[in-house]
């Protein structure tokens, strides 16, 4: 019998139908921002610009303790690794406008001041901005949705599995290199750190 990794079994509709594997290209990434309407609208526009996304990786630290004549390993901490998301740079500059607005909320370094080019005489708004303690995470959550099949609008996703990154923060931004000898799409890459994650599964049928 062919292995489950065999391509002939990927789209099998026999019994059980839902044991077919999920292809890598059937996914969506959604940004949820509740405290900033401008950034919220820009975040919605990122969904159709996503090129690749890493699923989260994490490690669990343990400590060995003695229990009578046995050694037990007790979990002490979970370390979440950053997640990278790569976007296509489209003609409407959707990703560029999003990151410019995000950085403007986070820092004053990305907004041109009236005295730009002149000698600085004091504090003029540059540097990291203080955030409200209740809203220190500008992005509420990021959902990575894996699915199998959908309608034309990609709204009625079948058997979706959602990985949610809670209170994510952009910690690294990489823009692409321009090259006269290449016809590939220009990309942006964000590295995301997050406080926790959850897994949810849609209902059967």
N, C-alpha and C. Protein backbone atom coordinates (compact mmCIF):
# COMPACT_ATOMS: atom_id res chain seq x y z
N UNK A 1 0.85 -1.20 0.00
CA UNK A 1 0.00 0.00 0.00
C UNK A 1 0.88 1.24 0.00
N UNK A 2 0.50 2.23 -0.78
CA UNK A 2 1.30 3.45 -0.88
C UNK A 2 1.26 4.22 0.44
N UNK A 3 2.35 4.89 0.72
CA UNK A 3 2.44 5.68 1.95
C UNK A 3 1.52 6.89 1.87
N UNK A 4 1.17 7.42 3.04
CA UNK A 4 0.31 8.59 3.09
C UNK A 4 0.96 9.80 2.44
N UNK A 5 2.29 9.82 2.34
CA UNK A 5 2.97 10.94 1.71
C UNK A 5 2.92 10.87 0.20
N UNK A 6 2.43 9.77 -0.36
CA UNK A 6 2.32 9.61 -1.80
C UNK A 6 1.29 10.59 -2.34
N UNK A 7 1.64 11.30 -3.42
CA UNK A 7 0.75 12.32 -3.97
C UNK A 7 -0.59 11.74 -4.41
N UNK A 8 -0.64 10.46 -4.77
CA UNK A 8 -1.89 9.86 -5.24
C UNK A 8 -2.94 9.81 -4.13
N UNK A 9 -2.52 9.90 -2.87
CA UNK A 9 -3.47 9.86 -1.76
C UNK A 9 -3.84 11.25 -1.24
N UNK A 10 -3.23 12.29 -1.77
CA UNK A 10 -3.46 13.62 -1.21
C UNK A 10 -4.90 14.10 -1.38
N UNK A 11 -5.52 13.78 -2.49
CA UNK A 11 -6.86 14.28 -2.77
C UNK A 11 -7.88 13.15 -2.82
N UNK A 12 -7.60 12.08 -2.13
CA UNK A 12 -8.47 10.90 -2.14
C UNK A 12 -9.80 11.22 -1.47
N UNK A 13 -10.89 10.82 -2.08
CA UNK A 13 -12.23 11.09 -1.56
C UNK A 13 -12.89 9.86 -0.98
N UNK A 14 -12.16 8.78 -0.85
CA UNK A 14 -12.74 7.57 -0.29
C UNK A 14 -12.86 7.65 1.22
N UNK A 15 -13.16 6.52 1.84
CA UNK A 15 -13.32 6.46 3.28
C UNK A 15 -11.99 6.14 3.95
N UNK A 16 -11.60 6.81 5.05
CA UNK A 16 -12.25 8.03 5.53
C UNK A 16 -11.75 9.25 4.76
N UNK A 17 -12.64 10.11 4.33
CA UNK A 17 -12.28 11.21 3.43
C UNK A 17 -11.33 12.20 4.10
N UNK A 18 -11.47 12.40 5.41
CA UNK A 18 -10.71 13.47 6.06
C UNK A 18 -9.34 13.02 6.53
N UNK A 19 -8.89 11.85 6.07
CA UNK A 19 -7.52 11.45 6.38
C UNK A 19 -6.54 11.93 5.32
N UNK A 20 -7.05 12.60 4.29
CA UNK A 20 -6.16 13.16 3.27
C UNK A 20 -5.32 14.26 3.89
N UNK A 21 -4.09 14.41 3.40
CA UNK A 21 -3.18 15.42 3.95
C UNK A 21 -3.54 16.80 3.42
N UNK A 22 -3.09 17.84 4.13
CA UNK A 22 -3.32 19.21 3.70
C UNK A 22 -2.15 19.67 2.82
N UNK A 23 -2.41 20.14 1.61
CA UNK A 23 -1.33 20.73 0.81
C UNK A 23 -0.83 22.02 1.46
N UNK A 24 0.42 22.33 1.23
CA UNK A 24 1.02 23.52 1.85
C UNK A 24 0.41 24.83 1.37
N UNK A 25 -0.12 24.86 0.16
CA UNK A 25 -0.57 26.13 -0.40
C UNK A 25 -1.99 26.52 0.00
N UNK A 26 -2.71 25.66 0.73
CA UNK A 26 -4.07 25.98 1.17
C UNK A 26 -4.01 26.57 2.58
N UNK A 27 -3.86 27.88 2.64
CA UNK A 27 -3.78 28.54 3.95
C UNK A 27 -4.17 30.01 3.81
N UNK A 28 -4.46 30.62 4.93
CA UNK A 28 -4.68 32.05 5.04
C UNK A 28 -4.01 32.56 6.30
N UNK A 29 -3.63 33.83 6.30
CA UNK A 29 -3.10 34.49 7.49
C UNK A 29 -3.93 35.75 7.71
N UNK A 30 -4.46 35.90 8.91
CA UNK A 30 -5.31 37.06 9.21
C UNK A 30 -4.76 37.82 10.41
N UNK A 31 -4.73 39.14 10.28
CA UNK A 31 -4.30 40.03 11.35
C UNK A 31 -5.53 40.66 12.00
N UNK A 32 -5.57 40.65 13.35
CA UNK A 32 -6.69 41.22 14.08
C UNK A 32 -6.17 42.36 14.96
N UNK A 33 -6.68 43.57 14.71
CA UNK A 33 -6.26 44.77 15.43
C UNK A 33 -7.52 45.51 15.84
N UNK A 34 -7.73 45.68 17.13
CA UNK A 34 -8.98 46.26 17.62
C UNK A 34 -8.85 47.70 18.09
N UNK A 35 -7.63 48.17 18.34
CA UNK A 35 -7.46 49.48 18.97
C UNK A 35 -7.13 50.60 17.99
N UNK A 36 -6.96 50.28 16.73
CA UNK A 36 -6.54 51.28 15.74
C UNK A 36 -7.25 50.98 14.43
N UNK A 37 -8.25 51.80 14.07
CA UNK A 37 -9.06 51.51 12.89
C UNK A 37 -8.25 51.63 11.59
N UNK A 38 -7.32 52.59 11.52
CA UNK A 38 -6.51 52.74 10.32
C UNK A 38 -5.63 51.51 10.11
N UNK A 39 -4.96 51.08 11.18
CA UNK A 39 -4.09 49.92 11.09
C UNK A 39 -4.90 48.64 10.88
N UNK A 40 -6.10 48.61 11.43
CA UNK A 40 -6.98 47.46 11.25
C UNK A 40 -7.31 47.25 9.78
N UNK A 41 -7.64 48.33 9.08
CA UNK A 41 -7.96 48.24 7.66
C UNK A 41 -6.75 47.81 6.85
N UNK A 42 -5.58 48.33 7.19
CA UNK A 42 -4.36 47.92 6.50
C UNK A 42 -4.02 46.46 6.78
N UNK A 43 -4.29 46.01 8.00
CA UNK A 43 -4.03 44.62 8.36
C UNK A 43 -4.89 43.65 7.56
N UNK A 44 -6.13 44.04 7.27
CA UNK A 44 -6.99 43.17 6.45
C UNK A 44 -6.39 42.98 5.05
N UNK A 45 -5.74 44.01 4.55
CA UNK A 45 -5.18 43.92 3.22
C UNK A 45 -3.97 43.02 3.10
N UNK A 46 -3.41 42.59 4.22
CA UNK A 46 -2.23 41.73 4.17
C UNK A 46 -2.55 40.29 3.83
N UNK A 47 -3.79 39.86 4.05
CA UNK A 47 -4.15 38.46 3.88
C UNK A 47 -3.80 37.94 2.50
N UNK A 48 -4.14 38.69 1.46
CA UNK A 48 -3.90 38.22 0.10
C UNK A 48 -2.50 38.53 -0.41
N UNK A 49 -1.65 39.08 0.45
CA UNK A 49 -0.26 39.36 0.06
C UNK A 49 0.71 38.36 0.66
N UNK A 50 0.24 37.48 1.51
CA UNK A 50 1.14 36.53 2.17
C UNK A 50 1.67 35.53 1.16
N UNK A 51 2.95 35.34 1.17
CA UNK A 51 3.60 34.37 0.27
C UNK A 51 3.95 33.09 1.02
N UNK A 52 4.62 33.21 2.15
CA UNK A 52 4.93 32.05 2.98
C UNK A 52 4.77 32.43 4.45
N UNK A 53 4.48 31.46 5.27
CA UNK A 53 4.41 31.68 6.71
C UNK A 53 4.92 30.43 7.42
N UNK A 54 5.70 30.64 8.45
CA UNK A 54 6.18 29.53 9.28
C UNK A 54 5.14 29.18 10.32
N UNK A 55 4.92 27.91 10.52
CA UNK A 55 4.11 27.48 11.66
C UNK A 55 4.97 27.56 12.91
N UNK A 56 4.37 27.85 14.06
CA UNK A 56 5.18 28.09 15.26
C UNK A 56 5.97 26.88 15.74
N UNK A 57 7.14 27.17 16.26
CA UNK A 57 8.00 26.16 16.87
C UNK A 57 8.27 26.57 18.31
N UNK A 58 8.36 25.59 19.19
CA UNK A 58 8.62 25.90 20.59
C UNK A 58 9.28 24.72 21.26
N UNK A 59 9.98 25.02 22.34
CA UNK A 59 10.64 23.97 23.13
C UNK A 59 10.16 24.08 24.57
N UNK A 60 10.17 22.94 25.26
CA UNK A 60 9.71 22.89 26.65
C UNK A 60 10.90 22.54 27.54
N UNK A 61 11.25 23.46 28.41
CA UNK A 61 12.36 23.20 29.33
C UNK A 61 11.88 22.34 30.49
N UNK A 62 12.72 21.41 30.90
CA UNK A 62 12.37 20.53 32.02
C UNK A 62 13.49 20.53 33.05
N UNK A 63 13.13 20.14 34.24
CA UNK A 63 14.10 20.03 35.33
C UNK A 63 13.93 18.66 35.99
N UNK A 64 15.06 17.98 36.20
CA UNK A 64 15.02 16.66 36.81
C UNK A 64 14.93 16.80 38.33
N UNK A 65 13.96 16.11 38.93
CA UNK A 65 13.81 16.12 40.38
C UNK A 65 13.77 14.67 40.88
N UNK A 66 14.19 14.47 42.11
CA UNK A 66 14.19 13.14 42.70
C UNK A 66 12.88 12.89 43.44
N UNK A 67 12.28 11.74 43.18
CA UNK A 67 11.08 11.33 43.87
C UNK A 67 11.31 9.90 44.36
N UNK A 68 11.72 9.78 45.63
CA UNK A 68 12.14 8.51 46.20
C UNK A 68 13.24 7.93 45.34
N UNK A 69 13.03 6.79 44.75
CA UNK A 69 14.08 6.16 43.95
C UNK A 69 13.92 6.42 42.45
N UNK A 70 13.10 7.37 42.11
CA UNK A 70 12.85 7.68 40.70
C UNK A 70 13.27 9.11 40.39
N UNK A 71 13.66 9.34 39.15
CA UNK A 71 13.93 10.69 38.67
C UNK A 71 12.80 11.09 37.73
N UNK A 72 12.17 12.20 38.04
CA UNK A 72 11.08 12.69 37.21
C UNK A 72 11.49 14.00 36.56
N UNK A 73 10.96 14.24 35.37
CA UNK A 73 11.24 15.48 34.66
C UNK A 73 10.00 16.36 34.71
N UNK A 74 10.18 17.54 35.30
CA UNK A 74 9.08 18.47 35.49
C UNK A 74 9.22 19.62 34.50
N UNK A 75 8.15 19.91 33.77
CA UNK A 75 8.18 21.03 32.82
C UNK A 75 8.21 22.35 33.59
N UNK A 76 9.14 23.23 33.24
CA UNK A 76 9.30 24.50 33.95
C UNK A 76 9.02 25.74 33.09
N UNK A 77 9.24 25.63 31.77
CA UNK A 77 9.06 26.81 30.93
C UNK A 77 8.91 26.40 29.48
N UNK A 78 8.12 27.20 28.73
CA UNK A 78 7.97 27.00 27.29
C UNK A 78 8.62 28.18 26.57
N UNK A 79 9.51 27.89 25.63
CA UNK A 79 10.17 28.92 24.83
C UNK A 79 9.58 28.92 23.43
N UNK A 80 8.93 30.03 23.05
CA UNK A 80 8.36 30.16 21.72
C UNK A 80 9.39 30.78 20.78
N UNK A 81 9.59 30.14 19.64
CA UNK A 81 10.51 30.68 18.63
C UNK A 81 9.78 31.70 17.76
N UNK A 82 10.50 32.70 17.24
CA UNK A 82 9.85 33.68 16.35
C UNK A 82 9.31 33.00 15.09
N UNK A 83 8.25 33.58 14.55
CA UNK A 83 7.62 33.11 13.32
C UNK A 83 7.91 34.13 12.22
N UNK A 84 8.30 33.65 11.03
CA UNK A 84 8.56 34.52 9.89
C UNK A 84 7.39 34.47 8.91
N UNK A 85 6.97 35.65 8.46
CA UNK A 85 5.93 35.76 7.43
C UNK A 85 6.50 36.57 6.28
N UNK A 86 6.42 36.03 5.08
CA UNK A 86 6.91 36.71 3.89
C UNK A 86 5.73 37.17 3.04
N UNK A 87 5.77 38.43 2.62
CA UNK A 87 4.69 39.02 1.83
C UNK A 87 5.22 39.42 0.45
N UNK A 88 4.35 39.34 -0.55
CA UNK A 88 4.66 39.91 -1.85
C UNK A 88 4.46 41.43 -1.80
N UNK A 89 5.38 42.17 -2.37
CA UNK A 89 5.28 43.63 -2.42
C UNK A 89 4.45 43.99 -3.65
N UNK A 90 3.19 44.38 -3.44
CA UNK A 90 2.27 44.64 -4.54
C UNK A 90 2.26 46.12 -4.92
N UNK A 91 1.65 46.44 -6.08
CA UNK A 91 1.69 47.79 -6.61
C UNK A 91 0.98 48.81 -5.73
N UNK A 92 0.03 48.37 -4.91
CA UNK A 92 -0.66 49.30 -4.03
C UNK A 92 0.13 49.58 -2.75
N UNK A 93 1.31 48.95 -2.62
CA UNK A 93 2.19 49.16 -1.46
C UNK A 93 1.48 48.85 -0.15
N UNK A 94 0.66 47.80 -0.15
CA UNK A 94 -0.13 47.46 1.03
C UNK A 94 0.75 47.11 2.23
N UNK A 95 1.80 46.32 1.99
CA UNK A 95 2.68 45.91 3.09
C UNK A 95 3.50 47.10 3.57
N UNK A 96 3.99 47.91 2.64
CA UNK A 96 4.77 49.09 3.02
C UNK A 96 3.95 50.07 3.84
N UNK A 97 2.68 50.28 3.47
CA UNK A 97 1.83 51.19 4.22
C UNK A 97 1.52 50.63 5.61
N UNK A 98 1.35 49.30 5.68
CA UNK A 98 1.07 48.69 6.99
C UNK A 98 2.25 48.86 7.93
N UNK A 99 3.46 48.51 7.46
CA UNK A 99 4.61 48.57 8.37
C UNK A 99 4.96 50.01 8.71
N UNK A 100 4.74 50.95 7.78
CA UNK A 100 4.99 52.36 8.08
C UNK A 100 4.05 52.86 9.17
N UNK A 101 2.77 52.46 9.07
CA UNK A 101 1.79 52.86 10.09
C UNK A 101 2.08 52.18 11.41
N UNK A 102 2.43 50.89 11.37
CA UNK A 102 2.76 50.16 12.60
C UNK A 102 3.94 50.81 13.31
N UNK A 103 5.00 51.11 12.56
CA UNK A 103 6.19 51.70 13.16
C UNK A 103 5.93 53.12 13.66
N UNK A 104 5.00 53.83 13.01
CA UNK A 104 4.64 55.16 13.49
C UNK A 104 3.94 55.08 14.84
N UNK A 105 3.17 54.01 15.07
CA UNK A 105 2.52 53.82 16.37
C UNK A 105 3.54 53.41 17.43
N UNK A 106 4.60 52.74 17.00
CA UNK A 106 5.58 52.20 17.93
C UNK A 106 6.72 53.17 18.23
N UNK A 107 7.11 53.96 17.23
CA UNK A 107 8.30 54.79 17.36
C UNK A 107 8.13 56.09 16.60
N UNK A 108 8.82 57.11 17.05
CA UNK A 108 8.81 58.39 16.36
C UNK A 108 9.91 58.51 15.32
N UNK A 109 10.71 57.48 15.17
CA UNK A 109 11.86 57.56 14.26
C UNK A 109 11.48 57.51 12.80
N UNK A 110 10.25 57.10 12.48
CA UNK A 110 9.87 56.88 11.09
C UNK A 110 9.00 57.99 10.53
N UNK A 111 8.85 59.07 11.28
CA UNK A 111 8.07 60.22 10.83
C UNK A 111 9.00 61.41 10.68
N UNK A 112 8.98 62.04 9.51
CA UNK A 112 9.86 63.17 9.25
C UNK A 112 9.40 64.39 10.03
N UNK A 113 10.30 64.97 10.78
CA UNK A 113 10.00 66.16 11.57
C UNK A 113 10.25 67.43 10.74
N UNK A 114 9.65 68.52 11.20
CA UNK A 114 9.82 69.78 10.49
C UNK A 114 11.27 70.25 10.49
N UNK A 115 12.00 69.89 11.55
CA UNK A 115 13.38 70.34 11.66
C UNK A 115 14.37 69.31 11.13
N UNK A 116 13.87 68.40 10.25
CA UNK A 116 14.76 67.37 9.71
C UNK A 116 15.93 68.01 8.97
N UNK A 117 17.11 67.52 9.22
CA UNK A 117 18.30 68.06 8.58
C UNK A 117 18.97 69.16 9.36
N UNK A 118 18.29 69.65 10.40
CA UNK A 118 18.86 70.70 11.22
C UNK A 118 19.47 70.10 12.48
N UNK A 119 20.20 70.90 13.21
CA UNK A 119 20.82 70.45 14.45
C UNK A 119 19.72 70.23 15.49
N UNK A 120 19.75 69.08 16.13
CA UNK A 120 18.75 68.79 17.17
C UNK A 120 19.10 69.56 18.43
N UNK A 121 18.11 70.24 18.95
CA UNK A 121 18.31 71.04 20.16
C UNK A 121 17.62 70.46 21.38
N UNK A 122 16.91 69.37 21.22
CA UNK A 122 16.23 68.77 22.36
C UNK A 122 15.44 67.56 21.93
N UNK A 123 14.63 67.04 22.83
CA UNK A 123 13.81 65.88 22.53
C UNK A 123 12.72 66.28 21.55
N UNK A 124 12.69 65.64 20.39
CA UNK A 124 11.76 66.05 19.33
C UNK A 124 10.85 64.91 18.88
N UNK A 125 10.60 63.95 19.74
CA UNK A 125 9.66 62.89 19.41
C UNK A 125 10.31 61.62 18.92
N UNK A 126 11.63 61.63 18.74
CA UNK A 126 12.30 60.42 18.28
C UNK A 126 12.38 59.39 19.42
N UNK A 127 12.46 58.12 19.03
CA UNK A 127 12.58 57.05 20.02
C UNK A 127 11.31 56.25 20.14
N UNK A 128 11.35 55.20 20.95
CA UNK A 128 10.20 54.33 21.16
C UNK A 128 9.13 55.07 21.94
N UNK A 129 7.88 54.96 21.49
CA UNK A 129 6.76 55.63 22.16
C UNK A 129 6.24 54.75 23.29
N UNK A 130 5.82 55.38 24.37
CA UNK A 130 5.19 54.66 25.46
C UNK A 130 3.80 54.22 25.04
N UNK A 131 3.49 52.96 25.29
CA UNK A 131 2.18 52.43 24.94
C UNK A 131 1.32 52.32 26.19
N UNK A 132 0.01 52.39 25.98
CA UNK A 132 -0.92 52.18 27.08
C UNK A 132 -0.71 50.78 27.63
N UNK A 133 -0.67 50.66 28.96
CA UNK A 133 -0.40 49.36 29.59
C UNK A 133 -1.41 48.30 29.15
N UNK A 134 -2.64 48.72 28.87
CA UNK A 134 -3.67 47.77 28.46
C UNK A 134 -3.59 47.44 26.98
N UNK A 135 -2.79 48.21 26.22
CA UNK A 135 -2.73 48.01 24.78
C UNK A 135 -1.28 48.06 24.31
N UNK A 136 -0.40 47.45 25.09
CA UNK A 136 1.01 47.49 24.73
C UNK A 136 1.31 46.64 23.51
N UNK A 137 0.42 45.70 23.17
CA UNK A 137 0.55 44.93 21.94
C UNK A 137 -0.36 45.57 20.90
N UNK A 138 0.24 46.17 19.87
CA UNK A 138 -0.55 46.87 18.86
C UNK A 138 -1.44 45.90 18.10
N UNK A 139 -0.94 44.70 17.82
CA UNK A 139 -1.72 43.66 17.15
C UNK A 139 -2.28 42.72 18.20
N UNK A 140 -3.58 42.47 18.16
CA UNK A 140 -4.22 41.58 19.14
C UNK A 140 -3.82 40.12 18.93
N UNK A 141 -3.94 39.66 17.68
CA UNK A 141 -3.62 38.26 17.39
C UNK A 141 -3.43 38.08 15.89
N UNK A 142 -2.75 37.02 15.54
CA UNK A 142 -2.58 36.62 14.14
C UNK A 142 -3.06 35.18 14.03
N UNK A 143 -3.95 34.93 13.09
CA UNK A 143 -4.46 33.58 12.88
C UNK A 143 -3.86 32.99 11.61
N UNK A 144 -3.30 31.79 11.73
CA UNK A 144 -2.78 31.03 10.60
C UNK A 144 -3.76 29.89 10.37
N UNK A 145 -4.45 29.90 9.23
CA UNK A 145 -5.54 28.96 8.98
C UNK A 145 -5.11 27.97 7.90
N UNK A 146 -5.13 26.70 8.24
CA UNK A 146 -4.90 25.63 7.27
C UNK A 146 -6.25 25.01 6.94
N UNK A 147 -6.51 24.78 5.65
CA UNK A 147 -7.81 24.23 5.28
C UNK A 147 -7.67 23.28 4.10
N UNK A 148 -8.78 22.70 3.73
CA UNK A 148 -8.80 21.78 2.59
C UNK A 148 -10.06 22.08 1.79
N UNK A 149 -9.90 22.81 0.71
CA UNK A 149 -11.04 23.16 -0.13
C UNK A 149 -11.77 24.40 0.36
N UNK A 150 -12.35 25.16 -0.57
CA UNK A 150 -13.09 26.38 -0.23
C UNK A 150 -13.90 26.80 -1.44
N UNK A 151 -14.77 27.81 -1.23
CA UNK A 151 -15.51 28.35 -2.36
C UNK A 151 -14.68 29.43 -3.04
N UNK A 152 -15.29 30.11 -4.03
CA UNK A 152 -14.54 31.09 -4.82
C UNK A 152 -14.03 32.25 -3.97
N UNK A 153 -14.75 32.59 -2.92
CA UNK A 153 -14.35 33.72 -2.07
C UNK A 153 -13.40 33.31 -0.96
N UNK A 154 -13.09 32.02 -0.86
CA UNK A 154 -12.22 31.46 0.18
C UNK A 154 -12.76 31.76 1.58
N UNK A 155 -14.07 31.88 1.70
CA UNK A 155 -14.68 32.17 3.00
C UNK A 155 -15.18 30.91 3.69
N UNK A 156 -15.83 30.02 2.95
CA UNK A 156 -16.35 28.79 3.54
C UNK A 156 -15.28 27.71 3.46
N UNK A 157 -14.35 27.79 4.39
CA UNK A 157 -13.21 26.88 4.37
C UNK A 157 -13.62 25.55 5.01
N UNK A 158 -13.27 24.45 4.35
CA UNK A 158 -13.62 23.14 4.86
C UNK A 158 -12.53 22.63 5.79
N UNK A 159 -12.95 22.13 6.92
CA UNK A 159 -12.04 21.50 7.89
C UNK A 159 -10.85 22.41 8.21
N UNK A 160 -11.13 23.64 8.56
CA UNK A 160 -10.03 24.55 8.86
C UNK A 160 -9.44 24.26 10.24
N UNK A 161 -8.13 24.37 10.33
CA UNK A 161 -7.40 24.25 11.59
C UNK A 161 -6.69 25.58 11.81
N UNK A 162 -6.96 26.21 12.95
CA UNK A 162 -6.48 27.56 13.19
C UNK A 162 -5.41 27.55 14.28
N UNK A 163 -4.26 28.14 13.97
CA UNK A 163 -3.21 28.38 14.94
C UNK A 163 -3.19 29.88 15.22
N UNK A 164 -3.42 30.27 16.46
CA UNK A 164 -3.53 31.68 16.82
C UNK A 164 -2.32 32.12 17.63
N UNK A 165 -1.65 33.17 17.18
CA UNK A 165 -0.55 33.79 17.91
C UNK A 165 -1.11 34.99 18.67
N UNK A 166 -1.02 34.95 19.99
CA UNK A 166 -1.64 35.99 20.82
C UNK A 166 -0.62 37.06 21.20
N UNK A 167 -1.08 38.32 21.13
CA UNK A 167 -0.29 39.50 21.47
C UNK A 167 1.06 39.49 20.73
N UNK A 168 1.00 39.36 19.41
CA UNK A 168 2.26 39.30 18.65
C UNK A 168 2.89 40.68 18.50
N UNK A 169 4.20 40.68 18.36
CA UNK A 169 4.95 41.92 18.13
C UNK A 169 5.95 41.68 17.00
N UNK A 170 6.04 42.63 16.09
CA UNK A 170 7.02 42.55 15.01
C UNK A 170 8.38 42.92 15.58
N UNK A 171 9.34 42.01 15.47
CA UNK A 171 10.66 42.24 16.06
C UNK A 171 11.76 42.35 15.02
N UNK A 172 11.43 42.05 13.76
CA UNK A 172 12.45 42.16 12.72
C UNK A 172 11.75 42.36 11.38
N UNK A 173 12.26 43.31 10.59
CA UNK A 173 11.69 43.60 9.28
C UNK A 173 12.81 43.51 8.25
N UNK A 174 12.59 42.69 7.22
CA UNK A 174 13.57 42.54 6.14
C UNK A 174 12.89 42.84 4.81
N UNK A 175 13.46 43.82 4.08
CA UNK A 175 12.97 44.09 2.73
C UNK A 175 13.89 43.41 1.74
N UNK A 176 13.40 43.18 0.54
CA UNK A 176 14.12 42.41 -0.47
C UNK A 176 15.23 43.24 -1.12
N UNK A 177 16.05 42.58 -1.93
CA UNK A 177 17.07 43.24 -2.75
C UNK A 177 16.52 43.41 -4.17
N UNK A 178 16.82 44.54 -4.79
CA UNK A 178 16.42 44.78 -6.17
C UNK A 178 17.54 44.31 -7.10
N UNK A 179 17.14 43.70 -8.23
CA UNK A 179 18.13 43.06 -9.09
C UNK A 179 17.64 43.15 -10.54
N UNK A 180 18.44 43.78 -11.41
CA UNK A 180 18.07 43.91 -12.83
C UNK A 180 18.00 42.56 -13.53
N UNK A 181 18.71 41.57 -13.02
CA UNK A 181 18.76 40.27 -13.69
C UNK A 181 17.68 39.30 -13.21
N UNK A 182 16.80 39.75 -12.33
CA UNK A 182 15.78 38.86 -11.78
C UNK A 182 14.39 39.39 -12.08
N UNK A 183 13.45 38.47 -12.33
CA UNK A 183 12.05 38.85 -12.57
C UNK A 183 11.14 38.37 -11.44
N UNK A 184 11.72 37.94 -10.33
CA UNK A 184 10.92 37.47 -9.20
C UNK A 184 10.25 38.65 -8.49
N UNK A 185 9.21 38.32 -7.74
CA UNK A 185 8.48 39.36 -7.01
C UNK A 185 9.33 39.89 -5.86
N UNK A 186 9.21 41.19 -5.61
CA UNK A 186 9.85 41.80 -4.44
C UNK A 186 9.07 41.38 -3.20
N UNK A 187 9.76 41.10 -2.12
CA UNK A 187 9.10 40.61 -0.91
C UNK A 187 9.47 41.42 0.33
N UNK A 188 8.62 41.33 1.32
CA UNK A 188 8.89 41.78 2.68
C UNK A 188 8.87 40.55 3.58
N UNK A 189 9.67 40.56 4.65
CA UNK A 189 9.65 39.47 5.63
C UNK A 189 9.60 40.06 7.03
N UNK A 190 8.61 39.65 7.81
CA UNK A 190 8.48 40.06 9.21
C UNK A 190 8.79 38.87 10.11
N UNK A 191 9.52 39.11 11.18
CA UNK A 191 9.68 38.12 12.24
C UNK A 191 8.78 38.53 13.39
N UNK A 192 7.99 37.59 13.87
CA UNK A 192 6.96 37.86 14.87
C UNK A 192 7.28 37.09 16.14
N UNK A 193 7.30 37.79 17.26
CA UNK A 193 7.33 37.14 18.58
C UNK A 193 5.95 37.29 19.20
N UNK A 194 5.57 36.32 20.02
CA UNK A 194 4.23 36.29 20.57
C UNK A 194 4.29 35.73 21.99
N UNK A 195 3.24 36.00 22.75
CA UNK A 195 3.23 35.60 24.17
C UNK A 195 2.71 34.19 24.38
N UNK A 196 1.77 33.77 23.53
CA UNK A 196 1.23 32.41 23.67
C UNK A 196 0.56 32.03 22.36
N UNK A 197 0.20 30.76 22.23
CA UNK A 197 -0.51 30.32 21.05
C UNK A 197 -1.57 29.30 21.43
N UNK A 198 -2.59 29.19 20.57
CA UNK A 198 -3.65 28.20 20.78
C UNK A 198 -3.94 27.51 19.46
N UNK A 199 -4.42 26.27 19.57
CA UNK A 199 -4.84 25.48 18.41
C UNK A 199 -6.35 25.25 18.51
N UNK A 200 -7.07 25.49 17.43
CA UNK A 200 -8.50 25.21 17.38
C UNK A 200 -8.82 24.49 16.09
N UNK A 201 -9.89 23.71 16.11
CA UNK A 201 -10.27 22.89 14.97
C UNK A 201 -11.74 23.17 14.66
N UNK A 202 -12.08 23.34 13.37
CA UNK A 202 -13.47 23.55 13.00
C UNK A 202 -14.26 22.26 13.19
N UNK A 203 -15.58 22.40 13.16
CA UNK A 203 -16.45 21.25 13.39
C UNK A 203 -16.45 20.33 12.17
N UNK A 204 -16.81 19.08 12.41
CA UNK A 204 -16.90 18.10 11.33
C UNK A 204 -18.00 18.50 10.36
N UNK A 205 -17.82 18.07 9.11
CA UNK A 205 -18.87 18.31 8.10
C UNK A 205 -18.76 19.63 7.54
